[in-house]
Structures are given as C-alpha cells and as structure tokens.
C-alpha cells in the first residue's frame, strides 16, 4: 500500500515539515506537564533549525511558540515565556475586494480624481488655483510614466474640466507661458551616444600611449 501525501494528515504549517507536526502531535499525548513543557521547548529549537531564516531573537522565539500552538490546534498546555496566541491567528485573511471605482482617465488613478473633488470644494480662489496647478503637474507626471509622448497642456486643462464637471478652470495661455504644468519629476535618459563616446575616448587614450612609447623609442 503506497503512502501518498494526499492521504496523510493535513499540514498546518508546511514550512516545518511533516515530522515536526508529528512530534507536535505527540506532545499532546504526554500526560506530565513538566515533561511536556521540556519536550516542547526542545521542539521549538528544532523548528528554529529547520527554518534557518528564523533568528534567535525574542520576536522570532515567540513566533515559533505561536506556530507550535497552531500546529497543535491550541490544545497544547505547557509553561511558556509567552502568552497563548489568539485562535483568530488560524483564520485565513479576508479577500481584498476588487477595485470597483469608476475612473474615466485610468492612467491618472483614483486618488487624483479625489484630489479634483477636494479642489472643487475649496472656497479660496487662490488655493483653488494652486490646487489646479498641482493637479496639472501630477497629471503630466503620471502621463509620462504611462506614455513616453509629451501631452499637450490644452489636453490636461480639458481633462481637468471633464473630471471636475466644469468646476475647475485655468487660463491655458498662462499655463503655457509660465510652464505651470511642468512635471514633478523627469525621467533621466542616458544619451544614446554615451557608450560610443566612451569607446572613442578609450581608443584615443590607447593611441596616445602608443604614440608616446614610439617617441621614447626613437
């Protein structure tokens, strides 16, 4: 009769392996609490050796004891330097809900849409004007990461108007004259001829050394 993993007992923590879980299950059969505690302490040290990434620190030691309680389904009664962990640690985390935000310009993101909404609520015209400029800078920066082509400022002003439903307006001529929508960061592009120029410099230097050697010989 073959012994397949699918027929074996479920592993609560796979990183420690089946043998460690068998030892943990055996601890539950030991009646003497002092002996059970001593064996559990030894098992914790064995678990530390099984996973070398776990360091000999108080935090990692507490984690090992928590893992031991998880493997024994919180039925292990021993004297430990740490409190018994809550049983909710065994529960699987809830699935993250899918993003259902309706964003017309997805390359700008939902957070920028929220910024536009907050700018619309501003009563101070100077603050609203500064907010529009900052939003324009962000939009141009985000567009540069999404597309290598430079977007025209008129398109940005139009998009801001659409996102704000006509509540945010700015003079496009003023934007272009003062370069108000300059991106917050610029991608550093290495010149294509840098490598070629470096090779030329090396070749010139080597030729110079050769010429000097020839002159010395002559």
N, C-alpha and C. Protein backbone atom coordinates (compact mmCIF):
# COMPACT_ATOMS: atom_id res chain seq x y z
N UNK A 1 0.86 -1.19 0.00
CA UNK A 1 0.00 0.00 0.00
C UNK A 1 0.89 1.24 0.00
N UNK A 2 0.73 2.10 -0.98
CA UNK A 2 1.54 3.29 -1.08
C UNK A 2 1.02 4.37 -0.14
N UNK A 3 1.98 5.18 0.36
CA UNK A 3 1.65 6.26 1.29
C UNK A 3 1.75 7.59 0.56
N UNK A 4 0.62 8.10 0.10
CA UNK A 4 0.61 9.35 -0.65
C UNK A 4 0.35 10.53 0.29
N UNK A 5 0.89 11.69 -0.09
CA UNK A 5 0.67 12.90 0.72
C UNK A 5 -0.80 13.28 0.77
N UNK A 6 -1.54 12.96 -0.30
CA UNK A 6 -2.96 13.31 -0.32
C UNK A 6 -3.76 12.51 0.71
N UNK A 7 -3.22 11.37 1.12
CA UNK A 7 -3.91 10.54 2.11
C UNK A 7 -3.45 10.84 3.53
N UNK A 8 -2.41 11.65 3.69
CA UNK A 8 -1.87 11.93 5.01
C UNK A 8 -2.64 13.07 5.68
N UNK A 9 -2.32 13.26 6.95
CA UNK A 9 -2.95 14.34 7.72
C UNK A 9 -2.53 15.69 7.15
N UNK A 10 -3.46 16.63 7.17
CA UNK A 10 -3.19 17.96 6.63
C UNK A 10 -2.11 18.66 7.43
N UNK A 11 -1.16 19.32 6.73
CA UNK A 11 -0.10 20.07 7.39
C UNK A 11 -0.58 21.49 7.66
N UNK A 12 -0.56 21.85 8.93
CA UNK A 12 -0.98 23.21 9.29
C UNK A 12 0.05 24.24 8.87
N UNK A 13 1.35 23.91 9.05
CA UNK A 13 2.43 24.81 8.67
C UNK A 13 3.44 24.01 7.86
N UNK A 14 3.39 24.15 6.56
CA UNK A 14 4.20 23.32 5.67
C UNK A 14 5.69 23.61 5.77
N UNK A 15 6.07 24.83 6.19
CA UNK A 15 7.49 25.17 6.20
C UNK A 15 8.29 24.33 7.20
N UNK A 16 7.61 23.75 8.20
CA UNK A 16 8.31 22.94 9.19
C UNK A 16 8.32 21.46 8.85
N UNK A 17 7.50 21.05 7.94
CA UNK A 17 7.51 19.65 7.50
C UNK A 17 6.61 18.75 8.33
N UNK A 18 6.45 17.53 7.83
CA UNK A 18 5.54 16.57 8.46
C UNK A 18 6.09 16.00 9.76
N UNK A 19 7.41 15.79 9.82
CA UNK A 19 7.99 15.20 11.03
C UNK A 19 7.82 16.10 12.24
N UNK A 20 7.98 17.41 12.03
CA UNK A 20 7.78 18.36 13.13
C UNK A 20 6.33 18.33 13.60
N UNK A 21 5.40 18.22 12.67
CA UNK A 21 3.99 18.16 13.07
C UNK A 21 3.69 16.87 13.82
N UNK A 22 4.34 15.77 13.43
CA UNK A 22 4.13 14.52 14.16
C UNK A 22 4.63 14.62 15.59
N UNK A 23 5.78 15.28 15.76
CA UNK A 23 6.30 15.48 17.12
C UNK A 23 5.37 16.37 17.93
N UNK A 24 4.85 17.41 17.28
CA UNK A 24 3.91 18.30 17.96
C UNK A 24 2.65 17.55 18.38
N UNK A 25 2.17 16.66 17.52
CA UNK A 25 1.00 15.85 17.88
C UNK A 25 1.32 14.90 19.03
N UNK A 26 2.57 14.41 19.07
CA UNK A 26 2.96 13.50 20.16
C UNK A 26 2.99 14.22 21.50
N UNK A 27 3.30 15.52 21.49
CA UNK A 27 3.32 16.28 22.74
C UNK A 27 1.97 16.24 23.44
N UNK A 28 0.90 16.17 22.68
CA UNK A 28 -0.45 16.14 23.26
C UNK A 28 -0.72 14.85 24.01
N UNK A 29 0.06 13.82 23.75
CA UNK A 29 -0.15 12.53 24.42
C UNK A 29 0.64 12.42 25.71
N UNK A 30 1.55 13.35 25.99
CA UNK A 30 2.37 13.32 27.21
C UNK A 30 1.55 13.88 28.36
N UNK A 31 1.35 13.08 29.39
CA UNK A 31 0.49 13.48 30.50
C UNK A 31 1.18 14.43 31.47
N UNK A 32 2.46 14.20 31.74
CA UNK A 32 3.19 15.03 32.70
C UNK A 32 3.47 16.40 32.08
N UNK A 33 2.98 17.46 32.71
CA UNK A 33 3.12 18.80 32.14
C UNK A 33 4.56 19.27 32.11
N UNK A 34 5.33 18.94 33.14
CA UNK A 34 6.73 19.36 33.18
C UNK A 34 7.51 18.71 32.04
N UNK A 35 7.29 17.43 31.84
CA UNK A 35 7.95 16.72 30.74
C UNK A 35 7.46 17.24 29.39
N UNK A 36 6.16 17.53 29.29
CA UNK A 36 5.59 18.04 28.06
C UNK A 36 6.18 19.41 27.72
N UNK A 37 6.38 20.24 28.74
CA UNK A 37 6.99 21.55 28.53
C UNK A 37 8.43 21.43 28.08
N UNK A 38 9.15 20.49 28.68
CA UNK A 38 10.56 20.30 28.31
C UNK A 38 10.69 19.84 26.86
N UNK A 39 9.84 18.92 26.47
CA UNK A 39 9.86 18.43 25.09
C UNK A 39 9.43 19.53 24.11
N UNK A 40 8.47 20.32 24.51
CA UNK A 40 8.00 21.41 23.64
C UNK A 40 9.10 22.44 23.42
N UNK A 41 9.87 22.73 24.48
CA UNK A 41 10.99 23.66 24.35
C UNK A 41 12.03 23.12 23.37
N UNK A 42 12.31 21.84 23.46
CA UNK A 42 13.24 21.24 22.52
C UNK A 42 12.72 21.26 21.09
N UNK A 43 11.41 21.07 20.93
CA UNK A 43 10.82 21.10 19.60
C UNK A 43 10.91 22.51 19.00
N UNK A 44 10.74 23.53 19.82
CA UNK A 44 10.86 24.90 19.33
C UNK A 44 12.25 25.15 18.78
N UNK A 45 13.29 24.65 19.47
CA UNK A 45 14.65 24.81 18.98
C UNK A 45 14.87 24.02 17.69
N UNK A 46 14.22 22.86 17.58
CA UNK A 46 14.31 22.09 16.34
C UNK A 46 13.65 22.84 15.20
N UNK A 47 12.54 23.47 15.46
CA UNK A 47 11.85 24.27 14.44
C UNK A 47 12.73 25.43 13.98
N UNK A 48 13.51 25.99 14.88
CA UNK A 48 14.42 27.08 14.52
C UNK A 48 15.50 26.60 13.56
N UNK A 49 15.95 25.35 13.76
CA UNK A 49 16.97 24.78 12.88
C UNK A 49 16.40 24.40 11.52
N UNK A 50 15.14 24.00 11.51
CA UNK A 50 14.51 23.60 10.25
C UNK A 50 14.37 24.80 9.32
N UNK A 51 14.10 25.95 9.89
CA UNK A 51 13.96 27.19 9.10
C UNK A 51 15.09 28.13 9.51
N UNK A 52 16.23 28.10 8.82
CA UNK A 52 17.39 28.91 9.23
C UNK A 52 17.15 30.41 9.20
N UNK A 53 16.17 30.87 8.45
CA UNK A 53 15.92 32.31 8.38
C UNK A 53 15.37 32.87 9.70
N UNK A 54 14.87 31.99 10.57
CA UNK A 54 14.37 32.43 11.87
C UNK A 54 15.54 32.65 12.81
N UNK A 55 15.67 33.86 13.32
CA UNK A 55 16.81 34.23 14.15
C UNK A 55 16.51 33.93 15.63
N UNK A 56 17.58 34.01 16.42
CA UNK A 56 17.46 33.78 17.85
C UNK A 56 17.16 35.11 18.55
N UNK A 57 15.97 35.60 18.29
CA UNK A 57 15.51 36.85 18.90
C UNK A 57 14.21 36.59 19.65
N UNK A 58 13.87 37.45 20.61
CA UNK A 58 12.61 37.24 21.34
C UNK A 58 11.39 37.23 20.43
N UNK A 59 11.40 38.09 19.40
CA UNK A 59 10.25 38.13 18.49
C UNK A 59 10.10 36.83 17.72
N UNK A 60 11.22 36.31 17.18
CA UNK A 60 11.16 35.07 16.42
C UNK A 60 10.85 33.88 17.33
N UNK A 61 11.36 33.92 18.56
CA UNK A 61 11.07 32.84 19.50
C UNK A 61 9.58 32.79 19.83
N UNK A 62 8.98 33.95 20.04
CA UNK A 62 7.54 33.99 20.29
C UNK A 62 6.77 33.49 19.08
N UNK A 63 7.26 33.82 17.89
CA UNK A 63 6.60 33.35 16.67
C UNK A 63 6.64 31.82 16.61
N UNK A 64 7.77 31.22 16.99
CA UNK A 64 7.89 29.76 16.97
C UNK A 64 6.90 29.11 17.94
N UNK A 65 6.76 29.70 19.12
CA UNK A 65 5.79 29.17 20.07
C UNK A 65 4.36 29.31 19.54
N UNK A 66 4.09 30.44 18.89
CA UNK A 66 2.77 30.63 18.28
C UNK A 66 2.52 29.58 17.20
N UNK A 67 3.56 29.30 16.41
CA UNK A 67 3.41 28.29 15.36
C UNK A 67 3.17 26.91 15.96
N UNK A 68 3.81 26.63 17.09
CA UNK A 68 3.60 25.34 17.75
C UNK A 68 2.16 25.21 18.24
N UNK A 69 1.62 26.28 18.77
CA UNK A 69 0.22 26.25 19.19
C UNK A 69 -0.72 26.08 18.00
N UNK A 70 -0.35 26.67 16.87
CA UNK A 70 -1.15 26.50 15.67
C UNK A 70 -1.14 25.05 15.20
N UNK A 71 0.03 24.42 15.25
CA UNK A 71 0.13 23.03 14.80
C UNK A 71 -0.65 22.09 15.70
N UNK A 72 -0.74 22.44 16.98
CA UNK A 72 -1.48 21.58 17.93
C UNK A 72 -2.92 22.05 18.11
N UNK A 73 -3.35 22.99 17.24
CA UNK A 73 -4.72 23.49 17.25
C UNK A 73 -5.11 24.05 18.61
N UNK A 74 -4.15 24.74 19.26
CA UNK A 74 -4.34 25.45 20.52
C UNK A 74 -4.76 24.52 21.66
N UNK A 75 -4.35 23.26 21.57
CA UNK A 75 -4.68 22.30 22.62
C UNK A 75 -3.47 21.94 23.47
N UNK A 76 -2.32 22.57 23.21
CA UNK A 76 -1.09 22.25 23.94
C UNK A 76 -1.02 23.07 25.22
N UNK A 77 -0.99 22.38 26.36
CA UNK A 77 -0.93 23.03 27.68
C UNK A 77 0.50 22.89 28.21
N UNK A 78 1.29 23.96 28.07
CA UNK A 78 2.67 23.97 28.54
C UNK A 78 2.97 25.32 29.18
N UNK A 79 4.07 25.34 29.94
CA UNK A 79 4.54 26.59 30.55
C UNK A 79 5.52 27.25 29.59
N UNK A 80 5.14 28.39 29.07
CA UNK A 80 5.98 29.09 28.10
C UNK A 80 6.21 30.53 28.57
N UNK A 81 7.28 31.16 28.09
CA UNK A 81 7.52 32.57 28.45
C UNK A 81 6.59 33.55 27.76
N UNK A 82 5.70 33.03 26.91
CA UNK A 82 4.80 33.91 26.16
C UNK A 82 3.35 33.47 26.39
N UNK A 83 2.45 34.43 26.20
CA UNK A 83 1.03 34.13 26.37
C UNK A 83 0.53 33.30 25.19
N UNK A 84 -0.53 32.57 25.45
CA UNK A 84 -1.17 31.79 24.39
C UNK A 84 -1.72 32.73 23.33
N UNK A 85 -1.40 32.49 22.04
CA UNK A 85 -1.92 33.38 20.98
C UNK A 85 -3.42 33.21 20.82
N UNK A 86 -4.05 34.24 20.24
CA UNK A 86 -5.48 34.15 19.97
C UNK A 86 -5.74 33.16 18.85
N UNK A 87 -6.86 32.48 18.95
CA UNK A 87 -7.18 31.47 17.95
C UNK A 87 -7.53 32.08 16.59
N UNK A 88 -7.75 33.40 16.56
CA UNK A 88 -8.08 34.01 15.27
C UNK A 88 -6.88 34.02 14.33
N UNK A 89 -5.66 33.74 14.87
CA UNK A 89 -4.49 33.67 14.00
C UNK A 89 -4.62 32.55 12.99
N UNK A 90 -5.42 31.56 13.32
CA UNK A 90 -5.58 30.42 12.44
C UNK A 90 -6.50 30.74 11.26
N UNK A 91 -7.30 31.77 11.41
CA UNK A 91 -8.25 32.11 10.35
C UNK A 91 -7.54 32.71 9.15
N UNK A 92 -8.02 32.40 7.98
CA UNK A 92 -7.45 32.95 6.76
C UNK A 92 -7.88 34.41 6.61
N UNK A 93 -6.99 35.27 6.10
CA UNK A 93 -7.38 36.67 5.90
C UNK A 93 -8.48 36.81 4.87
N UNK A 94 -9.28 37.83 5.01
CA UNK A 94 -10.36 38.07 4.08
C UNK A 94 -9.80 38.52 2.73
N UNK A 95 -10.49 38.16 1.67
CA UNK A 95 -10.07 38.53 0.34
C UNK A 95 -10.26 40.04 0.14
N UNK A 96 -9.30 40.64 -0.53
CA UNK A 96 -9.38 42.07 -0.83
C UNK A 96 -10.41 42.28 -1.92
N UNK A 97 -11.31 43.20 -1.66
CA UNK A 97 -12.37 43.46 -2.63
C UNK A 97 -11.78 44.04 -3.92
N UNK A 98 -12.38 43.67 -5.04
CA UNK A 98 -11.91 44.17 -6.33
C UNK A 98 -12.24 45.65 -6.46
N UNK A 99 -11.29 46.37 -7.04
CA UNK A 99 -11.47 47.81 -7.21
C UNK A 99 -12.61 48.09 -8.20
N UNK A 100 -13.66 48.68 -7.68
CA UNK A 100 -14.84 48.97 -8.50
C UNK A 100 -15.00 50.47 -8.78
N UNK A 101 -13.92 51.25 -8.52
CA UNK A 101 -14.02 52.69 -8.76
C UNK A 101 -14.14 52.96 -10.26
N UNK A 102 -15.06 53.84 -10.61
CA UNK A 102 -15.23 54.22 -12.00
C UNK A 102 -14.36 55.44 -12.27
N UNK A 103 -13.26 55.22 -12.98
CA UNK A 103 -12.32 56.29 -13.31
C UNK A 103 -12.27 56.42 -14.82
N UNK A 104 -12.59 57.60 -15.31
CA UNK A 104 -12.61 57.80 -16.76
C UNK A 104 -11.19 57.78 -17.34
N UNK A 105 -10.28 58.49 -16.67
CA UNK A 105 -8.89 58.51 -17.11
C UNK A 105 -8.08 57.62 -16.16
N UNK A 106 -8.00 56.34 -16.48
CA UNK A 106 -7.41 55.37 -15.57
C UNK A 106 -5.92 55.58 -15.35
N UNK A 107 -5.24 56.17 -16.34
CA UNK A 107 -3.79 56.35 -16.18
C UNK A 107 -3.48 57.45 -15.16
N UNK A 108 -4.48 58.25 -14.78
CA UNK A 108 -4.28 59.24 -13.73
C UNK A 108 -4.54 58.65 -12.35
N UNK A 109 -5.38 57.65 -12.26
CA UNK A 109 -5.63 57.00 -10.99
C UNK A 109 -6.82 57.58 -10.24
N UNK A 110 -7.32 56.80 -9.28
CA UNK A 110 -8.49 57.20 -8.50
C UNK A 110 -8.14 58.31 -7.51
N UNK A 111 -6.91 58.28 -6.97
CA UNK A 111 -6.55 59.30 -5.97
C UNK A 111 -6.54 60.69 -6.58
N UNK A 112 -6.13 60.81 -7.84
CA UNK A 112 -6.15 62.13 -8.46
C UNK A 112 -7.58 62.61 -8.66
N UNK A 113 -8.49 61.69 -8.93
CA UNK A 113 -9.89 62.05 -9.04
C UNK A 113 -10.40 62.61 -7.71
N UNK A 114 -9.95 62.01 -6.61
CA UNK A 114 -10.33 62.52 -5.29
C UNK A 114 -9.75 63.90 -5.05
N UNK A 115 -8.52 64.13 -5.53
CA UNK A 115 -7.92 65.46 -5.39
C UNK A 115 -8.72 66.50 -6.15
N UNK A 116 -9.19 66.14 -7.31
CA UNK A 116 -10.01 67.06 -8.09
C UNK A 116 -11.29 67.40 -7.33
N UNK A 117 -11.89 66.40 -6.74
CA UNK A 117 -13.12 66.63 -5.98
C UNK A 117 -12.88 67.55 -4.77
N UNK A 118 -11.72 67.38 -4.12
CA UNK A 118 -11.41 68.25 -2.98
C UNK A 118 -11.12 69.67 -3.45
N UNK A 119 -10.48 69.81 -4.61
CA UNK A 119 -10.20 71.15 -5.14
C UNK A 119 -11.49 71.88 -5.48
N UNK A 120 -12.48 71.16 -5.95
CA UNK A 120 -13.77 71.77 -6.28
C UNK A 120 -14.42 72.37 -5.03
N UNK A 121 -14.21 71.74 -3.88
CA UNK A 121 -14.84 72.20 -2.63
C UNK A 121 -14.17 73.45 -2.07
N UNK A 122 -12.96 73.78 -2.53
CA UNK A 122 -12.22 74.92 -1.97
C UNK A 122 -12.95 76.22 -2.28
N UNK A 123 -13.07 77.07 -1.27
CA UNK A 123 -13.74 78.37 -1.44
C UNK A 123 -12.75 79.46 -1.78
N UNK A 124 -11.52 79.34 -1.27
CA UNK A 124 -10.50 80.35 -1.55
C UNK A 124 -10.01 80.16 -2.99
N UNK A 125 -10.13 81.21 -3.80
CA UNK A 125 -9.78 81.12 -5.21
C UNK A 125 -8.28 80.92 -5.43
N UNK A 126 -7.47 81.53 -4.56
CA UNK A 126 -6.02 81.37 -4.70
C UNK A 126 -5.60 79.93 -4.42
N UNK A 127 -6.17 79.35 -3.37
CA UNK A 127 -5.88 77.96 -3.05
C UNK A 127 -6.38 77.03 -4.16
N UNK A 128 -7.54 77.34 -4.70
CA UNK A 128 -8.07 76.51 -5.79
C UNK A 128 -7.18 76.60 -7.02
N UNK A 129 -6.66 77.80 -7.29
CA UNK A 129 -5.77 77.97 -8.43
C UNK A 129 -4.48 77.16 -8.25
N UNK A 130 -3.91 77.21 -7.04
CA UNK A 130 -2.70 76.44 -6.74
C UNK A 130 -2.98 74.93 -6.83
N UNK A 131 -4.18 74.53 -6.40
CA UNK A 131 -4.54 73.12 -6.47
C UNK A 131 -4.64 72.64 -7.92
N UNK A 132 -5.19 73.50 -8.80
CA UNK A 132 -5.29 73.14 -10.22
C UNK A 132 -3.90 72.96 -10.82
N UNK A 133 -2.97 73.85 -10.46
CA UNK A 133 -1.60 73.75 -10.97
C UNK A 133 -0.95 72.46 -10.49
N UNK A 134 -1.12 72.15 -9.22
CA UNK A 134 -0.53 70.91 -8.68
C UNK A 134 -1.14 69.68 -9.36
N UNK A 135 -2.44 69.72 -9.58
CA UNK A 135 -3.10 68.59 -10.26
C UNK A 135 -2.57 68.45 -11.68
N UNK A 136 -2.38 69.57 -12.36
CA UNK A 136 -1.83 69.53 -13.71
C UNK A 136 -0.43 68.95 -13.74
N UNK A 137 0.39 69.31 -12.76
CA UNK A 137 1.75 68.75 -12.68
C UNK A 137 1.69 67.24 -12.48
N UNK A 138 0.80 66.81 -11.59
CA UNK A 138 0.68 65.38 -11.34
C UNK A 138 0.21 64.64 -12.59
N UNK A 139 -0.77 65.20 -13.27
CA UNK A 139 -1.32 64.55 -14.46
C UNK A 139 -0.25 64.39 -15.54
N UNK A 140 0.56 65.43 -15.71
CA UNK A 140 1.63 65.32 -16.72
C UNK A 140 2.67 64.30 -16.29
N UNK A 141 2.97 64.25 -14.98
CA UNK A 141 3.94 63.27 -14.48
C UNK A 141 3.43 61.85 -14.66
N UNK A 142 2.14 61.63 -14.32
CA UNK A 142 1.56 60.30 -14.47
C UNK A 142 1.51 59.89 -15.94
N UNK A 143 1.21 60.85 -16.81
CA UNK A 143 1.13 60.54 -18.24
C UNK A 143 2.50 60.15 -18.78
N UNK A 144 3.58 60.75 -18.26
CA UNK A 144 4.92 60.41 -18.70
C UNK A 144 5.30 58.98 -18.34
N UNK A 145 4.79 58.50 -17.21
CA UNK A 145 5.07 57.11 -16.83
C UNK A 145 4.23 56.13 -17.63
N UNK A 146 3.07 56.58 -18.10
CA UNK A 146 2.17 55.73 -18.88
C UNK A 146 2.52 55.75 -20.35
N UNK A 147 2.99 56.89 -20.86
CA UNK A 147 3.34 57.03 -22.26
C UNK A 147 4.55 57.94 -22.38
N UNK A 148 5.46 57.59 -23.28
CA UNK A 148 6.67 58.40 -23.47
C UNK A 148 6.39 59.69 -24.23
N UNK A 149 5.24 59.81 -24.86
CA UNK A 149 4.89 61.02 -25.60
C UNK A 149 4.49 62.14 -24.64
N UNK A 150 4.91 63.36 -24.95
CA UNK A 150 4.58 64.51 -24.12
C UNK A 150 3.16 64.96 -24.44
N UNK A 151 2.36 65.10 -23.41
CA UNK A 151 0.97 65.50 -23.59
C UNK A 151 0.88 67.02 -23.61
N UNK A 152 -0.01 67.52 -24.45
CA UNK A 152 -0.18 68.97 -24.59
C UNK A 152 -0.95 69.51 -23.38
N UNK A 153 -0.57 70.73 -22.96
CA UNK A 153 -1.22 71.33 -21.80
C UNK A 153 -2.71 71.57 -22.04
N UNK A 154 -3.10 71.81 -23.28
CA UNK A 154 -4.52 72.01 -23.58
C UNK A 154 -5.32 70.75 -23.26
N UNK A 155 -4.73 69.59 -23.52
CA UNK A 155 -5.41 68.33 -23.21
C UNK A 155 -5.57 68.19 -21.70
N UNK A 156 -4.54 68.57 -20.94
CA UNK A 156 -4.62 68.47 -19.48
C UNK A 156 -5.70 69.39 -18.93
N UNK A 157 -5.75 70.63 -19.43
CA UNK A 157 -6.78 71.57 -18.98
C UNK A 157 -8.16 71.03 -19.30
N UNK A 158 -8.31 70.45 -20.47
CA UNK A 158 -9.60 69.87 -20.88
C UNK A 158 -9.98 68.70 -19.97
N UNK A 159 -8.99 67.85 -19.65
CA UNK A 159 -9.27 66.70 -18.78
C UNK A 159 -9.65 67.13 -17.37
N UNK A 160 -8.98 68.18 -16.89
CA UNK A 160 -9.33 68.70 -15.56
C UNK A 160 -10.76 69.20 -15.55
N UNK A 161 -11.15 69.86 -16.62
CA UNK A 161 -12.53 70.34 -16.72
C UNK A 161 -13.53 69.21 -16.75
N UNK A 162 -13.19 68.13 -17.45
CA UNK A 162 -14.09 66.97 -17.51
C UNK A 162 -14.20 66.30 -16.16
N UNK A 163 -13.05 66.12 -15.48
CA UNK A 163 -13.06 65.43 -14.19
C UNK A 163 -13.77 66.24 -13.12
N UNK A 164 -13.71 67.56 -13.24
CA UNK A 164 -14.37 68.42 -12.25
C UNK A 164 -15.75 68.85 -12.68
N UNK A 165 -16.21 68.32 -13.83
CA UNK A 165 -17.52 68.69 -14.36
C UNK A 165 -17.64 70.20 -14.57
N UNK A 166 -16.55 70.79 -15.07
CA UNK A 166 -16.55 72.20 -15.40
C UNK A 166 -16.32 73.16 -14.25
N UNK A 167 -16.01 72.63 -13.05
CA UNK A 167 -15.85 73.48 -11.87
C UNK A 167 -14.44 74.06 -11.76
N UNK A 168 -13.43 73.40 -12.36
CA UNK A 168 -12.04 73.87 -12.26
C UNK A 168 -11.60 74.38 -13.63
N UNK A 169 -11.21 75.65 -13.66
CA UNK A 169 -10.79 76.27 -14.92
C UNK A 169 -9.50 77.04 -14.69
N UNK A 170 -8.68 77.12 -15.74
CA UNK A 170 -7.43 77.86 -15.68
C UNK A 170 -7.11 78.37 -17.09
N UNK A 171 -6.47 79.53 -17.16
CA UNK A 171 -6.14 80.14 -18.44
C UNK A 171 -5.04 79.32 -19.11
N UNK A 172 -5.34 78.72 -20.26
CA UNK A 172 -4.38 77.88 -20.95
C UNK A 172 -3.16 78.67 -21.41
N UNK A 173 -3.38 79.95 -21.81
CA UNK A 173 -2.26 80.79 -22.24
C UNK A 173 -1.29 81.03 -21.09
N UNK A 174 -1.83 81.24 -19.91
CA UNK A 174 -0.99 81.44 -18.73
C UNK A 174 -0.22 80.17 -18.39
N UNK A 175 -0.87 79.04 -18.58
CA UNK A 175 -0.21 77.75 -18.30
C UNK A 175 0.99 77.55 -19.22
N UNK A 176 0.83 77.88 -20.49
CA UNK A 176 1.90 77.67 -21.45
C UNK A 176 3.02 78.70 -21.28
N UNK A 177 2.65 79.96 -21.02
CA UNK A 177 3.67 81.00 -20.88
C UNK A 177 4.57 80.76 -19.67
N UNK A 178 4.00 80.40 -18.55
CA UNK A 178 4.76 80.21 -17.31
C UNK A 178 5.13 78.75 -17.05
N UNK A 179 4.77 77.87 -17.99
CA UNK A 179 5.07 76.44 -17.84
C UNK A 179 4.58 75.93 -16.48
N UNK A 180 3.31 76.24 -16.18
CA UNK A 180 2.75 75.91 -14.87
C UNK A 180 2.60 74.41 -14.66
N UNK A 181 2.43 73.66 -15.73
CA UNK A 181 2.21 72.22 -15.60
C UNK A 181 3.50 71.42 -15.82
N UNK A 182 4.61 72.01 -15.41
CA UNK A 182 5.88 71.28 -15.53
C UNK A 182 5.82 70.03 -14.65
N UNK A 183 6.18 68.86 -15.16
CA UNK A 183 6.06 67.62 -14.37
C UNK A 183 6.88 67.69 -13.10
N UNK A 184 6.43 66.97 -12.08
CA UNK A 184 7.09 66.98 -10.78
C UNK A 184 8.43 66.26 -10.82
N UNK A 185 8.58 65.33 -11.74
CA UNK A 185 9.84 64.61 -11.89
C UNK A 185 10.06 64.34 -13.36
N UNK A 186 11.31 64.24 -13.72
CA UNK A 186 11.67 63.99 -15.11
C UNK A 186 12.50 62.71 -15.17
N UNK A 187 12.19 61.91 -16.17
CA UNK A 187 12.91 60.65 -16.36
C UNK A 187 14.32 60.95 -16.85
N UNK A 188 15.26 60.34 -16.19
CA UNK A 188 16.65 60.52 -16.61
C UNK A 188 16.95 59.59 -17.78
N UNK A 189 17.28 60.17 -18.91
CA UNK A 189 17.56 59.39 -20.10
C UNK A 189 19.05 59.52 -20.43
N UNK A 190 19.71 58.40 -20.50
CA UNK A 190 21.12 58.41 -20.82
C UNK A 190 21.28 58.61 -22.33
N UNK A 191 22.12 59.56 -22.74
CA UNK A 191 22.31 59.77 -24.18
C UNK A 191 22.74 58.50 -24.88
N UNK A 192 22.16 58.32 -26.10
CA UNK A 192 22.44 57.08 -26.82
C UNK A 192 23.88 56.97 -27.24
N UNK A 193 24.56 58.13 -27.43
CA UNK A 193 25.94 58.09 -27.91
C UNK A 193 26.95 58.08 -26.78
N UNK A 194 26.49 57.89 -25.53
CA UNK A 194 27.41 57.89 -24.41
C UNK A 194 28.40 56.75 -24.49
N UNK A 195 27.86 55.54 -24.78
CA UNK A 195 28.73 54.38 -24.88
C UNK A 195 29.72 54.54 -26.01
N UNK A 196 29.25 55.12 -27.14
CA UNK A 196 30.14 55.30 -28.30
C UNK A 196 31.25 56.28 -27.96
N UNK A 197 30.88 57.38 -27.30
CA UNK A 197 31.89 58.37 -26.95
C UNK A 197 32.90 57.81 -25.96
N UNK A 198 32.44 56.97 -25.02
CA UNK A 198 33.36 56.35 -24.07
C UNK A 198 34.35 55.46 -24.79
N UNK A 199 33.86 54.68 -25.77
CA UNK A 199 34.76 53.81 -26.53
C UNK A 199 35.77 54.62 -27.32
N UNK A 200 35.31 55.75 -27.89
CA UNK A 200 36.23 56.61 -28.63
C UNK A 200 37.30 57.19 -27.73
N UNK A 201 36.91 57.58 -26.52
CA UNK A 201 37.89 58.14 -25.59
C UNK A 201 38.93 57.10 -25.21
N UNK A 202 38.46 55.86 -24.97
CA UNK A 202 39.40 54.80 -24.63
C UNK A 202 40.36 54.55 -25.78
N UNK A 203 39.82 54.56 -27.02
CA UNK A 203 40.67 54.30 -28.18
C UNK A 203 41.68 55.43 -28.35
N UNK A 204 41.23 56.67 -28.16
CA UNK A 204 42.14 57.80 -28.29
C UNK A 204 43.23 57.77 -27.23
N UNK A 205 42.87 57.41 -26.01
CA UNK A 205 43.85 57.32 -24.93
C UNK A 205 44.88 56.25 -25.22
N UNK A 206 44.40 55.08 -25.73
CA UNK A 206 45.33 53.99 -26.03
C UNK A 206 46.26 54.37 -27.17
N UNK A 207 45.72 55.10 -28.18
CA UNK A 207 46.56 55.55 -29.27
C UNK A 207 47.59 56.57 -28.80
N UNK A 208 47.18 57.39 -27.85
CA UNK A 208 48.11 58.37 -27.31
C UNK A 208 49.26 57.73 -26.59
N UNK A 209 48.96 56.68 -25.82
CA UNK A 209 50.02 55.95 -25.10
C UNK A 209 50.97 55.29 -26.09
N UNK A 210 50.42 54.74 -27.17
CA UNK A 210 51.27 54.10 -28.18
C UNK A 210 52.19 55.10 -28.84
N UNK A 211 51.67 56.28 -29.16
CA UNK A 211 52.49 57.30 -29.80
C UNK A 211 53.62 57.78 -28.89
N UNK A 212 53.30 57.90 -27.58
CA UNK A 212 54.32 58.31 -26.64
C UNK A 212 55.42 57.26 -26.53
N UNK A 213 55.03 55.98 -26.53
CA UNK A 213 56.03 54.91 -26.47
C UNK A 213 56.92 54.92 -27.68
N UNK A 214 56.34 55.19 -28.88
CA UNK A 214 57.13 55.23 -30.10
C UNK A 214 58.14 56.37 -30.06
N UNK A 215 57.71 57.53 -29.54
CA UNK A 215 58.62 58.67 -29.48
C UNK A 215 59.79 58.39 -28.53
N UNK A 216 59.48 57.70 -27.42
CA UNK A 216 60.55 57.39 -26.47
C UNK A 216 61.57 56.43 -27.08
N UNK A 217 61.07 55.49 -27.87
CA UNK A 217 61.99 54.53 -28.51
C UNK A 217 62.88 55.21 -29.53
N UNK A 218 62.27 56.17 -30.31
CA UNK A 218 63.05 56.88 -31.29
C UNK A 218 64.08 57.80 -30.63
